[in-house]
Amino acid sequence: MALHVRGVLLPDDEVRDLWLVGDRVTFEPVPGAETVADGGFILPGLVDAHCHIGIARGGAPITSLDQARALARTDRDAGVLALRDAGSPFPYPELDDEPDLPRLVRAGRHVAPPKRYLRDIGVEVGAAEVAATVTEQAAAGNGWVKLVGDWIDRGVGDLAPAWDADTMTAAVAAAHAAGVRAAVHTFSESAVEIMVRAGVDSVEHGTGLSLDLIDLMARQGTALVPTMINIRTFGHIADQARAKFPGYADHMLALRDRFPQVVRSAYEAGVPIYVGTDAGGGIDHGLAVEEMLLLHEQAGMSALDVLAAASWGARAWLGLPGLVEGGLADLAIYPRDPRQDLNALRTPTRLILRGHPLP
């Protein structure tokens, strides 16, 4: 059955009528369509562009599809109707087209250095195996590969790149040769410089970015997914590490404290920024609106640009057509204008996923 909704369509800022036929949107009237919403503000469904439904709370890999479903539904119920899983130790391609789950854009497993990442999460390989492993993990995802660009090196006592610069550059090239985009986890100054200059497609976190690199990202169109809600946990990480690695602890706190200005500088330079929470492990699912508020309040992004970073802009970046003729029938309706107050996103009056109203 065709559905009909009417309201102020964002970002167009016009009262529009939309008809949902199956999984698609049309602006052509459909006789007999059932009106399921009349009034309010219509937004393409939100996106969490960095999460992990393959990682359970506490950091262990999930062990069943039902666990992944439950985490995805937590995001869905908060208005997030599309997810980019930025690395999963558990394969779940069966969920890509499951009707009541958010649309899934997936990387395979993290490609990580040996014994220098979260236990049991990534495929841990030495430099000689990185490019081949990237190619394998490209086939395991559906458009992305996730690289671990740095982590603590206990021999150094601080953050350090995962591999040498030539290996990391070759990893990005291998991803592109396999027809996928490459995302990189990076906290440190040295690793993010290597990866941005290598042409990585998205920087995840990016606490070590410099103004020169920000300008390069803007010229290249390299995306930043800041996960500001995750960076707030650096104080806890520093507390746990201080006894053995005081230099690392101080470094993490310095990165945390400067990060709002880093994101602000990236925004002002025109770097594409998208909303991601890093949910899974240490961050709960369903917190995309909290991340949006941080981008607005701490990084100075306008409410409209934050909405783009979490909705129509993020969907376009991930290859998911928005509320255009022939686009995907994923939308949320809010009683108040979220451009005036992003807190309005906490209380949608109607969520429609894949053309079906959610309870």
Protein backbone atom coordinates (compact mmCIF):
# COMPACT_ATOMS: atom_id res chain seq x y z
CA MET A 1 0.00 0.00 0.00
CA ALA A 2 1.23 3.47 -0.87
CA LEU A 3 1.63 5.98 1.96
CA HIS A 4 1.28 9.76 1.97
CA VAL A 5 2.98 12.27 4.26
CA ARG A 6 2.81 16.04 4.32
CA GLY A 7 4.95 18.55 6.18
CA VAL A 8 7.83 21.00 5.94
CA LEU A 9 10.48 19.11 3.99
CA LEU A 10 14.06 19.83 5.03
CA PRO A 11 16.40 21.15 3.80
CA ASP A 12 14.01 22.56 1.13
CA ASP A 13 12.00 24.44 3.81
CA GLU A 14 8.79 23.98 1.86
CA VAL A 15 5.52 22.31 2.74
CA ARG A 16 5.51 19.26 0.49
CA ASP A 17 3.48 16.14 -0.11
CA LEU A 18 5.42 12.89 -0.44
CA TRP A 19 4.09 9.54 -1.54
CA LEU A 20 5.92 6.40 -0.53
CA VAL A 21 5.50 3.50 -2.91
CA GLY A 22 7.28 0.47 -1.60
CA ASP A 23 10.79 1.57 -0.74
CA ARG A 24 10.77 4.70 -2.88
CA VAL A 25 9.67 8.33 -2.75
CA THR A 26 7.66 10.13 -5.38
CA PHE A 27 6.18 13.60 -5.57
CA GLU A 28 3.53 12.41 -8.00
CA PRO A 29 0.16 11.86 -6.30
CA VAL A 30 -0.83 8.24 -5.79
CA PRO A 31 -4.61 7.73 -5.66
CA GLY A 32 -5.77 5.85 -2.61
CA ALA A 33 -2.57 6.34 -0.62
CA GLU A 34 -2.99 6.24 3.15
CA THR A 35 -2.03 9.49 4.90
CA VAL A 36 0.15 8.56 7.88
CA ALA A 37 1.39 12.04 8.79
CA ASP A 38 0.13 15.56 8.17
CA GLY A 39 2.17 18.36 9.69
CA GLY A 40 5.56 18.75 11.30
CA PHE A 41 9.08 18.82 9.90
CA ILE A 42 10.24 16.01 7.61
CA LEU A 43 13.88 14.97 7.60
CA PRO A 44 15.66 12.17 5.77
CA GLY A 45 16.41 9.53 8.42
CA LEU A 46 19.47 10.22 10.55
CA VAL A 47 22.81 8.46 10.01
CA ASP A 48 25.42 7.26 12.48
CA ALA A 49 28.44 7.27 10.19
CA HIS A 50 30.76 5.56 12.68
CA CYS A 51 29.42 2.79 14.85
CA HIS A 52 29.99 -0.92 15.49
CA ILE A 53 27.01 -3.23 15.80
CA GLY A 54 29.51 -6.09 15.72
CA ILE A 55 31.07 -5.09 19.07
CA ALA A 56 29.24 -5.58 22.36
CA ARG A 57 29.27 -3.21 25.33
CA GLY A 58 32.64 -3.59 27.00
CA GLY A 59 34.54 -4.23 23.78
CA ALA A 60 34.07 -7.95 23.10
CA PRO A 61 32.95 -9.19 19.68
CA ILE A 62 29.30 -10.08 19.43
CA THR A 63 28.55 -13.75 18.89
CA SER A 64 25.17 -13.78 17.16
CA LEU A 65 23.05 -11.99 14.59
CA ASP A 66 20.47 -11.31 17.28
CA GLN A 67 23.00 -9.22 19.21
CA ALA A 68 23.70 -7.14 16.10
CA ARG A 69 19.97 -6.74 15.49
CA ALA A 70 19.40 -5.49 19.02
CA LEU A 71 22.14 -2.86 18.75
CA ALA A 72 20.90 -1.71 15.35
CA ARG A 73 17.35 -1.40 16.68
CA THR A 74 18.55 0.79 19.53
CA ASP A 75 19.90 3.23 16.94
CA ARG A 76 16.78 2.90 14.80
CA ASP A 77 14.48 3.74 17.67
CA ALA A 78 16.48 6.95 18.21
CA GLY A 79 15.74 8.03 14.63
CA VAL A 80 18.94 6.68 13.05
CA LEU A 81 17.82 4.90 9.91
CA ALA A 82 21.23 4.26 8.32
CA LEU A 83 24.49 3.05 9.86
CA ARG A 84 28.07 2.84 8.70
CA ASP A 85 29.67 0.06 10.69
CA ALA A 86 33.30 1.09 10.74
CA GLY A 87 34.69 -2.38 11.36
CA SER A 88 33.11 -5.53 12.75
CA PRO A 89 34.78 -8.69 14.06
CA PHE A 90 31.51 -10.54 13.41
CA PRO A 91 30.23 -10.92 9.82
CA TYR A 92 26.58 -10.16 9.23
CA PRO A 93 25.88 -9.58 5.51
CA GLU A 94 22.50 -11.26 6.07
CA LEU A 95 21.32 -8.08 7.78
CA ASP A 96 21.96 -5.75 4.84
CA ASP A 97 18.37 -5.94 3.59
CA GLU A 98 16.51 -6.88 6.76
CA PRO A 99 13.28 -4.85 6.60
CA ASP A 100 13.13 -3.49 10.14
CA LEU A 101 16.83 -2.61 10.49
CA PRO A 102 18.59 0.60 9.46
CA ARG A 103 20.35 0.50 6.14
CA LEU A 104 23.84 -0.85 6.63
CA VAL A 105 27.06 0.36 5.04
CA ARG A 106 29.83 -1.91 6.27
CA ALA A 107 33.56 -2.33 6.48
CA GLY A 108 34.95 -5.80 7.12
CA ARG A 109 37.19 -6.34 10.12
CA HIS A 110 39.65 -3.69 11.22
CA VAL A 111 43.09 -4.13 9.68
CA ALA A 112 45.41 -3.62 12.65
CA PRO A 113 49.06 -4.04 13.68
CA PRO A 114 50.05 -7.13 15.69
CA LYS A 115 49.32 -6.93 19.44
CA ARG A 116 48.65 -3.20 19.30
CA TYR A 117 44.88 -2.98 19.14
CA LEU A 118 41.78 -4.12 20.99
CA ARG A 119 41.94 -7.86 21.55
CA ASP A 120 39.97 -10.05 19.09
CA ILE A 121 38.58 -7.09 17.15
CA GLY A 122 40.87 -6.67 14.14
CA VAL A 123 42.84 -8.81 11.73
CA GLU A 124 46.35 -8.19 13.04
CA VAL A 125 49.05 -8.31 10.38
CA GLY A 126 52.60 -7.18 9.81
CA ALA A 127 53.61 -4.72 7.14
CA ALA A 128 54.17 -7.36 4.47
CA GLU A 129 50.57 -8.58 4.74
CA VAL A 130 48.71 -5.31 5.00
CA ALA A 131 47.84 -4.70 1.34
CA ALA A 132 46.63 -8.27 0.78
CA THR A 133 44.57 -8.14 3.97
CA VAL A 134 42.98 -4.88 2.89
CA THR A 135 41.93 -6.55 -0.35
CA GLU A 136 40.39 -9.45 1.59
CA GLN A 137 38.51 -7.16 3.94
CA ALA A 138 37.24 -5.08 1.02
CA ALA A 139 35.35 -8.17 -0.12
CA ALA A 140 34.00 -8.74 3.41
CA GLY A 141 32.35 -5.30 3.57
CA ASN A 142 30.04 -3.53 1.16
CA GLY A 143 31.99 -0.43 0.25
CA TRP A 144 34.53 0.36 2.97
CA VAL A 145 37.75 -0.87 4.59
CA LYS A 146 38.77 0.17 8.10
CA LEU A 147 42.45 0.74 8.89
CA VAL A 148 43.90 1.20 12.37
CA GLY A 149 46.34 4.03 11.76
CA ASP A 150 47.79 4.22 15.27
CA TRP A 151 47.54 2.92 18.81
CA ILE A 152 49.76 2.96 21.86
CA ASP A 153 53.21 1.48 21.27
CA ARG A 154 54.28 0.18 24.67
CA GLY A 155 57.91 0.22 23.67
CA VAL A 156 57.68 3.92 22.90
CA GLY A 157 55.26 4.70 25.71
CA ASP A 158 52.98 6.76 23.49
CA LEU A 159 50.86 6.71 20.36
CA ALA A 160 52.71 5.64 17.24
CA PRO A 161 51.76 4.78 13.63
CA ALA A 162 50.63 1.22 13.06
CA TRP A 163 53.14 0.56 10.28
CA ASP A 164 55.67 2.52 8.26
CA ALA A 165 54.46 5.28 5.94
CA ASP A 166 54.98 3.30 2.73
CA THR A 167 52.88 0.41 4.07
CA MET A 168 50.08 2.70 5.18
CA THR A 169 50.07 4.49 1.84
CA ALA A 170 49.95 1.16 0.02
CA ALA A 171 46.99 0.12 2.19
CA VAL A 172 44.93 3.05 0.93
CA ALA A 173 45.93 2.26 -2.64
CA ALA A 174 44.90 -1.38 -2.16
CA ALA A 175 41.47 -0.32 -0.93
CA HIS A 176 40.96 1.90 -3.92
CA ALA A 177 42.17 -0.80 -6.29
CA ALA A 178 39.55 -3.11 -4.77
CA GLY A 179 36.84 -0.55 -5.50
CA VAL A 180 36.13 0.52 -1.91
CA ARG A 181 36.80 3.55 0.24
CA ALA A 182 39.23 3.56 3.15
CA ALA A 183 38.51 4.89 6.64
CA VAL A 184 41.29 5.27 9.17
CA HIS A 185 41.19 5.30 12.96
CA THR A 186 43.76 7.81 14.10
CA PHE A 187 44.47 9.80 17.23
CA SER A 188 48.10 10.85 16.73
CA GLU A 189 49.67 13.70 14.79
CA SER A 190 52.07 11.48 12.86
CA ALA A 191 49.62 8.80 11.67
CA VAL A 192 46.92 11.21 10.52
CA GLU A 193 49.48 13.10 8.43
CA ILE A 194 50.57 9.90 6.69
CA MET A 195 47.01 8.85 5.95
CA VAL A 196 45.68 12.19 4.75
CA ARG A 197 48.63 12.56 2.39
CA ALA A 198 48.02 8.98 1.22
CA GLY A 199 44.51 9.96 0.10
CA VAL A 200 42.44 8.14 2.71
CA ASP A 201 38.73 8.79 2.22
CA SER A 202 37.71 9.45 5.81
CA VAL A 203 39.53 10.28 9.02
CA GLU A 204 37.86 8.80 12.08
CA HIS A 205 38.46 10.84 15.26
CA GLY A 206 41.40 12.85 13.89
CA THR A 207 42.50 14.40 17.19
CA GLY A 208 46.03 14.96 15.88
CA LEU A 209 45.04 17.08 12.89
CA SER A 210 47.05 20.24 12.20
CA LEU A 211 45.86 23.33 10.34
CA ASP A 212 47.99 22.39 7.30
CA LEU A 213 46.39 18.94 7.14
CA ILE A 214 42.93 20.42 7.59
CA ASP A 215 43.53 22.62 4.56
CA LEU A 216 44.70 19.59 2.59
CA MET A 217 41.62 17.63 3.62
CA ALA A 218 39.42 20.48 2.43
CA ARG A 219 41.16 20.55 -0.95
CA GLN A 220 40.99 16.79 -1.35
CA GLY A 221 37.46 16.39 -0.04
CA THR A 222 38.67 14.05 2.72
CA ALA A 223 35.88 13.54 5.26
CA LEU A 224 36.18 13.88 9.02
CA VAL A 225 34.01 11.87 11.40
CA PRO A 226 35.03 13.42 14.74
CA THR A 227 33.18 11.17 17.22
CA MET A 228 33.37 13.93 19.80
CA ILE A 229 31.37 11.87 22.26
CA ASN A 230 34.14 9.28 22.15
CA ILE A 231 36.94 11.80 22.62
CA ARG A 232 35.37 12.82 25.92
CA THR A 233 36.42 9.38 27.26
CA PHE A 234 40.13 10.22 26.91
CA GLY A 235 40.29 11.27 30.55
CA HIS A 236 39.33 7.77 31.65
CA ILE A 237 41.87 6.26 29.24
CA ALA A 238 44.58 8.55 30.60
CA ASP A 239 43.73 7.65 34.20
CA GLN A 240 44.05 3.94 33.45
CA ALA A 241 47.39 4.37 31.64
CA ARG A 242 49.12 6.96 33.80
CA ALA A 243 50.96 4.62 36.17
CA LYS A 244 52.79 2.84 33.34
CA PHE A 245 52.68 5.38 30.52
CA PRO A 246 52.56 8.94 31.90
CA GLY A 247 53.65 10.50 28.60
CA TYR A 248 50.83 8.75 26.77
CA ALA A 249 48.36 9.85 29.43
CA ASP A 250 49.40 13.49 29.11
CA HIS A 251 49.26 13.24 25.31
CA MET A 252 45.70 11.87 25.35
CA LEU A 253 44.52 14.67 27.63
CA ALA A 254 46.15 17.30 25.43
CA LEU A 255 44.48 15.80 22.35
CA ARG A 256 41.12 15.81 24.13
CA ASP A 257 41.41 19.40 25.27
CA ARG A 258 42.33 20.80 21.86
CA PHE A 259 39.83 18.74 19.90
CA PRO A 260 36.83 21.11 19.85
CA GLN A 261 39.06 23.72 18.21
CA VAL A 262 40.35 21.12 15.73
CA VAL A 263 36.81 20.30 14.65
CA ARG A 264 35.88 23.98 14.53
CA SER A 265 38.89 24.68 12.31
CA ALA A 266 37.97 21.79 10.01
CA TYR A 267 34.41 23.08 9.76
CA GLU A 268 35.55 26.62 8.99
CA ALA A 269 37.96 25.31 6.34
CA GLY A 270 35.19 23.43 4.54
CA VAL A 271 36.18 19.87 5.43
CA PRO A 272 33.19 17.51 4.96
CA ILE A 273 32.11 16.50 8.47
CA TYR A 274 29.69 13.69 9.30
CA VAL A 275 28.08 12.54 12.53
CA GLY A 276 29.39 9.35 14.11
CA THR A 277 29.36 8.18 17.71
CA ASP A 278 31.76 5.20 17.74
CA ALA A 279 28.97 3.26 19.46
CA GLY A 280 30.01 -0.26 20.39
CA GLY A 281 32.49 -1.10 23.11
CA GLY A 282 32.76 1.98 25.26
CA ILE A 283 29.95 4.11 23.80
CA ASP A 284 26.28 3.19 23.95
CA HIS A 285 24.14 3.02 20.83
CA GLY A 286 21.37 5.52 20.25
CA LEU A 287 23.42 8.65 21.00
CA ALA A 288 23.60 10.32 17.58
CA VAL A 289 21.65 13.34 18.81
CA GLU A 290 24.17 13.80 21.64
CA GLU A 291 26.97 13.87 19.08
CA MET A 292 25.05 16.42 17.02
CA LEU A 293 24.69 18.68 20.04
CA LEU A 294 28.42 18.51 20.71
CA LEU A 295 29.21 19.48 17.12
CA HIS A 296 26.88 22.45 17.48
CA GLU A 297 27.80 23.59 20.99
CA GLN A 298 31.53 22.81 21.13
CA ALA A 299 32.67 22.93 17.50
CA GLY A 300 30.46 25.82 16.41
CA MET A 301 28.70 24.10 13.53
CA SER A 302 25.40 25.71 12.62
CA ALA A 303 22.29 23.68 13.36
CA LEU A 304 21.57 23.39 9.63
CA ASP A 305 25.06 22.08 8.90
CA VAL A 306 24.82 19.61 11.78
CA LEU A 307 21.54 18.36 10.33
CA ALA A 308 23.22 17.92 6.96
CA ALA A 309 26.09 16.06 8.62
CA ALA A 310 23.62 13.61 10.16
CA SER A 311 20.94 13.44 7.49
CA TRP A 312 20.84 14.35 3.81
CA GLY A 313 24.56 15.10 3.52
CA ALA A 314 25.65 11.92 5.27
CA ARG A 315 23.21 9.85 3.25
CA ALA A 316 24.54 11.28 -0.01
CA TRP A 317 28.12 10.59 1.10
CA LEU A 318 27.24 6.95 1.76
CA GLY A 319 25.39 6.57 -1.53
CA LEU A 320 21.89 6.52 -0.01
CA PRO A 321 19.48 8.78 -1.94
CA GLY A 322 17.47 11.12 0.23
CA LEU A 323 13.92 12.44 -0.08
CA VAL A 324 14.10 13.18 -3.79
CA GLU A 325 12.13 11.73 -6.67
CA GLY A 326 12.94 8.03 -6.68
CA GLY A 327 14.88 8.31 -3.42
CA LEU A 328 14.74 5.96 -0.47
CA ALA A 329 11.65 6.00 1.75
CA ASP A 330 13.48 6.61 5.04
CA LEU A 331 12.25 9.61 6.95
CA ALA A 332 11.53 11.07 10.35
CA ILE A 333 8.88 13.62 11.25
CA TYR A 334 9.32 16.01 14.17
CA PRO A 335 6.75 18.28 15.81
CA ARG A 336 9.25 21.15 16.17
CA ASP A 337 11.78 22.67 13.80
CA PRO A 338 15.17 21.03 14.54
CA ARG A 339 16.94 23.96 12.89
CA GLN A 340 15.76 26.09 15.81
CA ASP A 341 16.59 23.49 18.47
CA LEU A 342 18.40 20.24 17.78
CA ASN A 343 16.82 18.81 20.92
CA ALA A 344 13.67 18.41 18.82
CA LEU A 345 15.36 15.35 17.31
CA ARG A 346 14.85 13.49 20.59
CA THR A 347 11.10 13.18 20.04
CA PRO A 348 10.11 12.16 16.52
CA THR A 349 6.37 11.79 16.02
CA ARG A 350 6.80 9.29 13.18
CA LEU A 351 9.65 7.17 11.81
CA ILE A 352 9.31 5.49 8.42
CA LEU A 353 11.97 2.98 7.36
CA ARG A 354 12.08 1.36 3.92
CA GLY A 355 8.57 2.67 3.31
CA HIS A 356 7.07 1.13 6.47
CA PRO A 357 5.99 3.13 9.56
CA LEU A 358 7.72 1.98 12.70
CA PRO A 359 5.65 1.38 15.84
